[in-house]
Protein backbone atom coordinates (compact mmCIF):
# COMPACT_ATOMS: atom_id res chain seq x y z
CA UNK A 1 0.00 0.00 0.00
CA UNK A 2 1.27 3.46 -0.92
CA UNK A 3 0.63 6.61 1.12
CA UNK A 4 0.52 10.24 0.00
CA UNK A 5 0.12 12.99 2.62
CA UNK A 6 0.03 16.77 2.57
CA UNK A 7 -0.87 19.48 5.09
CA UNK A 8 -1.66 23.12 4.49
CA UNK A 9 -3.02 26.11 6.41
CA UNK A 10 -5.96 27.80 4.70
CA UNK A 11 -7.27 31.21 5.72
CA UNK A 12 -10.92 30.15 5.71
CA UNK A 13 -13.34 28.57 8.19
CA UNK A 14 -13.36 24.77 8.45
CA UNK A 15 -17.07 24.67 7.46
CA UNK A 16 -16.48 26.32 4.10
CA UNK A 17 -13.43 24.15 3.33
CA UNK A 18 -15.37 21.03 4.30
CA UNK A 19 -18.18 22.02 1.91
CA UNK A 20 -15.68 22.20 -0.95
CA UNK A 21 -13.89 18.89 -0.28
CA UNK A 22 -17.16 17.05 0.43
CA UNK A 23 -18.73 18.10 -2.89
CA UNK A 24 -17.75 15.69 -5.69
CA UNK A 25 -18.65 18.28 -8.35
CA UNK A 26 -15.93 20.59 -6.96
CA UNK A 27 -13.15 17.97 -7.01
CA UNK A 28 -11.91 18.74 -10.57
CA UNK A 29 -11.44 22.38 -9.50
CA UNK A 30 -8.80 21.51 -6.92
CA UNK A 31 -7.51 17.97 -7.45
CA UNK A 32 -5.04 17.55 -10.33
CA UNK A 33 -5.69 14.57 -12.55
CA UNK A 34 -9.44 14.49 -11.90
CA UNK A 35 -11.03 15.44 -15.21
CA UNK A 36 -14.63 14.56 -14.52
CA UNK A 37 -17.20 13.35 -12.03
CA UNK A 38 -20.36 11.44 -12.94
CA UNK A 39 -23.10 9.44 -11.31
CA UNK A 40 -23.10 11.25 -7.97
CA UNK A 41 -25.55 9.46 -5.69
CA UNK A 42 -26.58 11.27 -2.51
CA UNK A 43 -25.97 14.71 -1.04
CA UNK A 44 -22.40 16.01 -0.57
CA UNK A 45 -20.81 15.28 2.79
CA UNK A 46 -23.10 12.48 3.94
CA UNK A 47 -22.20 8.87 4.66
CA UNK A 48 -23.08 6.64 1.74
CA UNK A 49 -22.78 9.33 -0.93
CA UNK A 50 -20.97 7.90 -3.94
CA UNK A 51 -19.41 9.21 -7.16
CA UNK A 52 -17.44 8.02 -10.17
CA UNK A 53 -14.28 9.90 -11.18
CA UNK A 54 -12.17 10.01 -14.32
CA UNK A 55 -8.55 10.29 -13.16
CA UNK A 56 -5.41 10.43 -15.26
CA UNK A 57 -1.75 10.17 -14.33
CA UNK A 58 1.06 10.58 -16.84
CA UNK A 59 -1.42 10.35 -19.73
CA UNK A 60 -2.97 7.11 -18.49
CA UNK A 61 -6.66 7.11 -17.61
CA UNK A 62 -8.00 5.30 -14.57
CA UNK A 63 -11.50 4.84 -13.19
CA UNK A 64 -12.19 5.48 -9.54
CA UNK A 65 -15.39 5.15 -7.56
CA UNK A 66 -15.75 6.59 -4.08
CA UNK A 67 -18.16 6.14 -1.20
CA UNK A 68 -18.21 8.43 1.84
CA UNK A 69 -17.64 6.14 4.84
CA UNK A 70 -17.12 8.61 7.69
CA UNK A 71 -18.26 12.17 8.33
CA UNK A 72 -17.66 14.45 11.28
CA UNK A 73 -18.49 17.88 9.83
CA UNK A 74 -16.48 20.07 9.75
CA UNK A 75 -13.55 18.05 11.14
CA UNK A 76 -13.26 14.87 9.09
CA UNK A 77 -14.29 13.24 5.83
CA UNK A 78 -13.25 9.73 4.76
CA UNK A 79 -13.84 8.24 1.33
CA UNK A 80 -13.43 4.59 0.38
CA UNK A 81 -11.89 4.38 -3.10
CA UNK A 82 -12.61 1.50 -5.46
CA UNK A 83 -11.56 0.75 -9.02
CA UNK A 84 -8.03 1.20 -10.33
CA UNK A 85 -6.80 2.91 -7.12
CA UNK A 86 -8.47 1.10 -4.21
CA UNK A 87 -7.88 2.58 -0.78
CA UNK A 88 -8.98 5.52 1.35
CA UNK A 89 -8.84 9.30 1.08
CA UNK A 90 -9.08 11.22 4.34
CA UNK A 91 -9.47 14.94 4.96
CA UNK A 92 -8.96 16.27 8.50
CA UNK A 93 -9.64 19.91 9.37
CA UNK A 94 -8.51 21.68 12.54
CA UNK A 95 -9.44 25.34 13.17
CA UNK A 96 -6.43 27.46 14.17
CA UNK A 97 -7.59 30.97 14.94
CA UNK A 98 -8.74 32.58 11.68
CA UNK A 99 -7.25 29.74 9.62
CA UNK A 100 -7.77 26.00 9.31
CA UNK A 101 -5.11 23.31 9.13
CA UNK A 102 -6.06 20.80 6.44
CA UNK A 103 -4.44 17.35 6.40
CA UNK A 104 -4.95 15.24 3.28
CA UNK A 105 -4.04 11.55 3.32
CA UNK A 106 -4.43 9.00 0.56
CA UNK A 107 -3.66 5.33 1.23
CA UNK A 108 -3.97 3.27 -1.94
CA UNK A 109 -2.99 0.15 -3.80
CA UNK A 110 -1.30 0.67 -7.12
CA UNK A 111 -3.01 -0.47 -10.30
CA UNK A 112 -1.95 -3.92 -11.42
CA UNK A 113 0.13 -4.72 -14.47
CA UNK A 114 3.01 -2.52 -15.57
CA UNK A 115 2.25 0.18 -12.97
CA UNK A 116 2.91 -2.18 -10.09
CA UNK A 117 6.54 -2.85 -11.02
CA UNK A 118 9.92 -1.19 -10.69
CA UNK A 119 10.44 2.30 -12.06
CA UNK A 120 6.78 2.68 -13.02
CA UNK A 121 5.76 2.06 -9.41
CA UNK A 122 8.19 4.69 -8.10
CA UNK A 123 7.05 7.20 -10.73
CA UNK A 124 3.36 6.67 -10.00
CA UNK A 125 3.90 7.09 -6.25
CA UNK A 126 5.93 10.28 -6.82
CA UNK A 127 3.35 11.79 -9.20
CA UNK A 128 0.48 10.93 -6.87
CA UNK A 129 2.30 12.74 -4.03
CA UNK A 130 2.94 15.75 -6.29
CA UNK A 131 -0.73 15.81 -7.31
CA UNK A 132 -1.78 15.83 -3.66
CA UNK A 133 0.63 18.69 -2.90
CA UNK A 134 -0.63 20.69 -5.90
CA UNK A 135 -4.20 19.84 -4.93
CA UNK A 136 -3.69 21.24 -1.43
CA UNK A 137 -2.42 24.52 -2.90
CA UNK A 138 -5.33 24.70 -5.37
CA UNK A 139 -7.74 24.03 -2.51
CA UNK A 140 -6.16 26.89 -0.56
CA UNK A 141 -6.56 29.27 -3.50
CA UNK A 142 -10.13 28.17 -4.12
CA UNK A 143 -11.16 28.56 -0.47
CA UNK A 144 -9.32 31.83 0.15
CA UNK A 145 -10.49 33.38 -3.14
C-alpha atoms as a PDB file:
ATOM      1  CA  UNK A   1       0.000   0.000   0.000  1.00  0.00           C
ATOM      2  CA  UNK A   2       1.273   3.458  -0.916  1.00  0.00           C
ATOM      3  CA  UNK A   3       0.628   6.606   1.122  1.00  0.00           C
ATOM      4  CA  UNK A   4       0.523  10.244   0.003  1.00  0.00           C
ATOM      5  CA  UNK A   5       0.119  12.993   2.624  1.00  0.00           C
ATOM      6  CA  UNK A   6       0.028  16.771   2.569  1.00  0.00           C
ATOM      7  CA  UNK A   7      -0.866  19.480   5.088  1.00  0.00           C
ATOM      8  CA  UNK A   8      -1.659  23.121   4.487  1.00  0.00           C
ATOM      9  CA  UNK A   9      -3.021  26.106   6.411  1.00  0.00           C
ATOM     10  CA  UNK A  10      -5.960  27.800   4.696  1.00  0.00           C
ATOM     11  CA  UNK A  11      -7.269  31.210   5.724  1.00  0.00           C
ATOM     12  CA  UNK A  12     -10.920  30.147   5.713  1.00  0.00           C
ATOM     13  CA  UNK A  13     -13.339  28.566   8.189  1.00  0.00           C
ATOM     14  CA  UNK A  14     -13.365  24.767   8.451  1.00  0.00           C
ATOM     15  CA  UNK A  15     -17.072  24.674   7.464  1.00  0.00           C
ATOM     16  CA  UNK A  16     -16.476  26.320   4.097  1.00  0.00           C
ATOM     17  CA  UNK A  17     -13.429  24.147   3.332  1.00  0.00           C
ATOM     18  CA  UNK A  18     -15.375  21.028   4.297  1.00  0.00           C
ATOM     19  CA  UNK A  19     -18.182  22.019   1.913  1.00  0.00           C
ATOM     20  CA  UNK A  20     -15.679  22.197  -0.954  1.00  0.00           C
ATOM     21  CA  UNK A  21     -13.887  18.894  -0.282  1.00  0.00           C
ATOM     22  CA  UNK A  22     -17.161  17.050   0.427  1.00  0.00           C
ATOM     23  CA  UNK A  23     -18.733  18.105  -2.888  1.00  0.00           C
ATOM     24  CA  UNK A  24     -17.746  15.693  -5.689  1.00  0.00           C
ATOM     25  CA  UNK A  25     -18.647  18.276  -8.345  1.00  0.00           C
ATOM     26  CA  UNK A  26     -15.925  20.589  -6.961  1.00  0.00           C
ATOM     27  CA  UNK A  27     -13.151  17.966  -7.010  1.00  0.00           C
ATOM     28  CA  UNK A  28     -11.910  18.736 -10.573  1.00  0.00           C
ATOM     29  CA  UNK A  29     -11.444  22.377  -9.497  1.00  0.00           C
ATOM     30  CA  UNK A  30      -8.801  21.512  -6.920  1.00  0.00           C
ATOM     31  CA  UNK A  31      -7.513  17.965  -7.451  1.00  0.00           C
ATOM     32  CA  UNK A  32      -5.039  17.547 -10.329  1.00  0.00           C
ATOM     33  CA  UNK A  33      -5.693  14.572 -12.555  1.00  0.00           C
ATOM     34  CA  UNK A  34      -9.444  14.489 -11.903  1.00  0.00           C
ATOM     35  CA  UNK A  35     -11.035  15.439 -15.208  1.00  0.00           C
ATOM     36  CA  UNK A  36     -14.632  14.563 -14.518  1.00  0.00           C
ATOM     37  CA  UNK A  37     -17.201  13.349 -12.029  1.00  0.00           C
ATOM     38  CA  UNK A  38     -20.356  11.439 -12.935  1.00  0.00           C
ATOM     39  CA  UNK A  39     -23.099   9.439 -11.315  1.00  0.00           C
ATOM     40  CA  UNK A  40     -23.096  11.250  -7.965  1.00  0.00           C
ATOM     41  CA  UNK A  41     -25.549   9.464  -5.689  1.00  0.00           C
ATOM     42  CA  UNK A  42     -26.581  11.274  -2.510  1.00  0.00           C
ATOM     43  CA  UNK A  43     -25.965  14.712  -1.041  1.00  0.00           C
ATOM     44  CA  UNK A  44     -22.402  16.013  -0.570  1.00  0.00           C
ATOM     45  CA  UNK A  45     -20.810  15.281   2.785  1.00  0.00           C
ATOM     46  CA  UNK A  46     -23.100  12.478   3.937  1.00  0.00           C
ATOM     47  CA  UNK A  47     -22.195   8.867   4.662  1.00  0.00           C
ATOM     48  CA  UNK A  48     -23.082   6.641   1.745  1.00  0.00           C
ATOM     49  CA  UNK A  49     -22.775   9.328  -0.932  1.00  0.00           C
ATOM     50  CA  UNK A  50     -20.967   7.897  -3.938  1.00  0.00           C
ATOM     51  CA  UNK A  51     -19.414   9.213  -7.156  1.00  0.00           C
ATOM     52  CA  UNK A  52     -17.444   8.017 -10.167  1.00  0.00           C
ATOM     53  CA  UNK A  53     -14.279   9.903 -11.181  1.00  0.00           C
ATOM     54  CA  UNK A  54     -12.166  10.009 -14.324  1.00  0.00           C
ATOM     55  CA  UNK A  55      -8.547  10.288 -13.159  1.00  0.00           C
ATOM     56  CA  UNK A  56      -5.410  10.429 -15.258  1.00  0.00           C
ATOM     57  CA  UNK A  57      -1.752  10.174 -14.334  1.00  0.00           C
ATOM     58  CA  UNK A  58       1.061  10.579 -16.841  1.00  0.00           C
ATOM     59  CA  UNK A  59      -1.416  10.351 -19.729  1.00  0.00           C
ATOM     60  CA  UNK A  60      -2.974   7.111 -18.494  1.00  0.00           C
ATOM     61  CA  UNK A  61      -6.665   7.112 -17.606  1.00  0.00           C
ATOM     62  CA  UNK A  62      -7.999   5.304 -14.569  1.00  0.00           C
ATOM     63  CA  UNK A  63     -11.505   4.842 -13.193  1.00  0.00           C
ATOM     64  CA  UNK A  64     -12.186   5.482  -9.541  1.00  0.00           C
ATOM     65  CA  UNK A  65     -15.389   5.145  -7.556  1.00  0.00           C
ATOM     66  CA  UNK A  66     -15.753   6.591  -4.081  1.00  0.00           C
ATOM     67  CA  UNK A  67     -18.165   6.143  -1.198  1.00  0.00           C
ATOM     68  CA  UNK A  68     -18.213   8.426   1.841  1.00  0.00           C
ATOM     69  CA  UNK A  69     -17.640   6.137   4.836  1.00  0.00           C
ATOM     70  CA  UNK A  70     -17.120   8.606   7.687  1.00  0.00           C
ATOM     71  CA  UNK A  71     -18.258  12.169   8.327  1.00  0.00           C
ATOM     72  CA  UNK A  72     -17.659  14.450  11.281  1.00  0.00           C
ATOM     73  CA  UNK A  73     -18.495  17.879   9.835  1.00  0.00           C
ATOM     74  CA  UNK A  74     -16.477  20.074   9.753  1.00  0.00           C
ATOM     75  CA  UNK A  75     -13.555  18.047  11.135  1.00  0.00           C
ATOM     76  CA  UNK A  76     -13.258  14.867   9.093  1.00  0.00           C
ATOM     77  CA  UNK A  77     -14.293  13.239   5.830  1.00  0.00           C
ATOM     78  CA  UNK A  78     -13.247   9.727   4.764  1.00  0.00           C
ATOM     79  CA  UNK A  79     -13.839   8.235   1.327  1.00  0.00           C
ATOM     80  CA  UNK A  80     -13.429   4.588   0.379  1.00  0.00           C
ATOM     81  CA  UNK A  81     -11.885   4.382  -3.102  1.00  0.00           C
ATOM     82  CA  UNK A  82     -12.607   1.505  -5.459  1.00  0.00           C
ATOM     83  CA  UNK A  83     -11.557   0.752  -9.017  1.00  0.00           C
ATOM     84  CA  UNK A  84      -8.030   1.199 -10.332  1.00  0.00           C
ATOM     85  CA  UNK A  85      -6.795   2.915  -7.117  1.00  0.00           C
ATOM     86  CA  UNK A  86      -8.471   1.096  -4.208  1.00  0.00           C
ATOM     87  CA  UNK A  87      -7.876   2.580  -0.780  1.00  0.00           C
ATOM     88  CA  UNK A  88      -8.978   5.522   1.349  1.00  0.00           C
ATOM     89  CA  UNK A  89      -8.842   9.299   1.078  1.00  0.00           C
ATOM     90  CA  UNK A  90      -9.077  11.222   4.342  1.00  0.00           C
ATOM     91  CA  UNK A  91      -9.470  14.942   4.959  1.00  0.00           C
ATOM     92  CA  UNK A  92      -8.958  16.272   8.501  1.00  0.00           C
ATOM     93  CA  UNK A  93      -9.643  19.914   9.369  1.00  0.00           C
ATOM     94  CA  UNK A  94      -8.512  21.684  12.542  1.00  0.00           C
ATOM     95  CA  UNK A  95      -9.439  25.343  13.167  1.00  0.00           C
ATOM     96  CA  UNK A  96      -6.427  27.459  14.175  1.00  0.00           C
ATOM     97  CA  UNK A  97      -7.586  30.969  14.941  1.00  0.00           C
ATOM     98  CA  UNK A  98      -8.745  32.577  11.676  1.00  0.00           C
ATOM     99  CA  UNK A  99      -7.248  29.743   9.621  1.00  0.00           C
ATOM    100  CA  UNK A 100      -7.773  25.996   9.310  1.00  0.00           C
ATOM    101  CA  UNK A 101      -5.110  23.307   9.133  1.00  0.00           C
ATOM    102  CA  UNK A 102      -6.058  20.797   6.437  1.00  0.00           C
ATOM    103  CA  UNK A 103      -4.441  17.351   6.400  1.00  0.00           C
ATOM    104  CA  UNK A 104      -4.948  15.237   3.277  1.00  0.00           C
ATOM    105  CA  UNK A 105      -4.039  11.550   3.322  1.00  0.00           C
ATOM    106  CA  UNK A 106      -4.433   9.002   0.561  1.00  0.00           C
ATOM    107  CA  UNK A 107      -3.661   5.333   1.226  1.00  0.00           C
ATOM    108  CA  UNK A 108      -3.973   3.268  -1.935  1.00  0.00           C
ATOM    109  CA  UNK A 109      -2.993   0.146  -3.798  1.00  0.00           C
ATOM    110  CA  UNK A 110      -1.297   0.669  -7.123  1.00  0.00           C
ATOM    111  CA  UNK A 111      -3.013  -0.466 -10.302  1.00  0.00           C
ATOM    112  CA  UNK A 112      -1.952  -3.924 -11.417  1.00  0.00           C
ATOM    113  CA  UNK A 113       0.134  -4.717 -14.469  1.00  0.00           C
ATOM    114  CA  UNK A 114       3.014  -2.515 -15.567  1.00  0.00           C
ATOM    115  CA  UNK A 115       2.255   0.183 -12.968  1.00  0.00           C
ATOM    116  CA  UNK A 116       2.909  -2.180 -10.093  1.00  0.00           C
ATOM    117  CA  UNK A 117       6.541  -2.853 -11.023  1.00  0.00           C
ATOM    118  CA  UNK A 118       9.923  -1.186 -10.686  1.00  0.00           C
ATOM    119  CA  UNK A 119      10.444   2.304 -12.063  1.00  0.00           C
ATOM    120  CA  UNK A 120       6.778   2.676 -13.020  1.00  0.00           C
ATOM    121  CA  UNK A 121       5.761   2.060  -9.405  1.00  0.00           C
ATOM    122  CA  UNK A 122       8.186   4.694  -8.099  1.00  0.00           C
ATOM    123  CA  UNK A 123       7.051   7.198 -10.733  1.00  0.00           C
ATOM    124  CA  UNK A 124       3.364   6.669  -9.999  1.00  0.00           C
ATOM    125  CA  UNK A 125       3.896   7.089  -6.251  1.00  0.00           C
ATOM    126  CA  UNK A 126       5.925  10.281  -6.820  1.00  0.00           C
ATOM    127  CA  UNK A 127       3.352  11.786  -9.204  1.00  0.00           C
ATOM    128  CA  UNK A 128       0.478  10.927  -6.866  1.00  0.00           C
ATOM    129  CA  UNK A 129       2.301  12.737  -4.030  1.00  0.00           C
ATOM    130  CA  UNK A 130       2.941  15.745  -6.293  1.00  0.00           C
ATOM    131  CA  UNK A 131      -0.726  15.810  -7.312  1.00  0.00           C
ATOM    132  CA  UNK A 132      -1.779  15.825  -3.658  1.00  0.00           C
ATOM    133  CA  UNK A 133       0.626  18.693  -2.903  1.00  0.00           C
ATOM    134  CA  UNK A 134      -0.633  20.688  -5.896  1.00  0.00           C
ATOM    135  CA  UNK A 135      -4.204  19.841  -4.927  1.00  0.00           C
ATOM    136  CA  UNK A 136      -3.695  21.241  -1.428  1.00  0.00           C
ATOM    137  CA  UNK A 137      -2.424  24.518  -2.897  1.00  0.00           C
ATOM    138  CA  UNK A 138      -5.326  24.698  -5.369  1.00  0.00           C
ATOM    139  CA  UNK A 139      -7.740  24.029  -2.506  1.00  0.00           C
ATOM    140  CA  UNK A 140      -6.160  26.890  -0.564  1.00  0.00           C
ATOM    141  CA  UNK A 141      -6.557  29.269  -3.503  1.00  0.00           C
ATOM    142  CA  UNK A 142     -10.128  28.167  -4.116  1.00  0.00           C
ATOM    143  CA  UNK A 143     -11.162  28.562  -0.475  1.00  0.00           C
ATOM    144  CA  UNK A 144      -9.318  31.825   0.148  1.00  0.00           C
ATOM    145  CA  UNK A 145     -10.489  33.383  -3.142  1.00  0.00           C
END
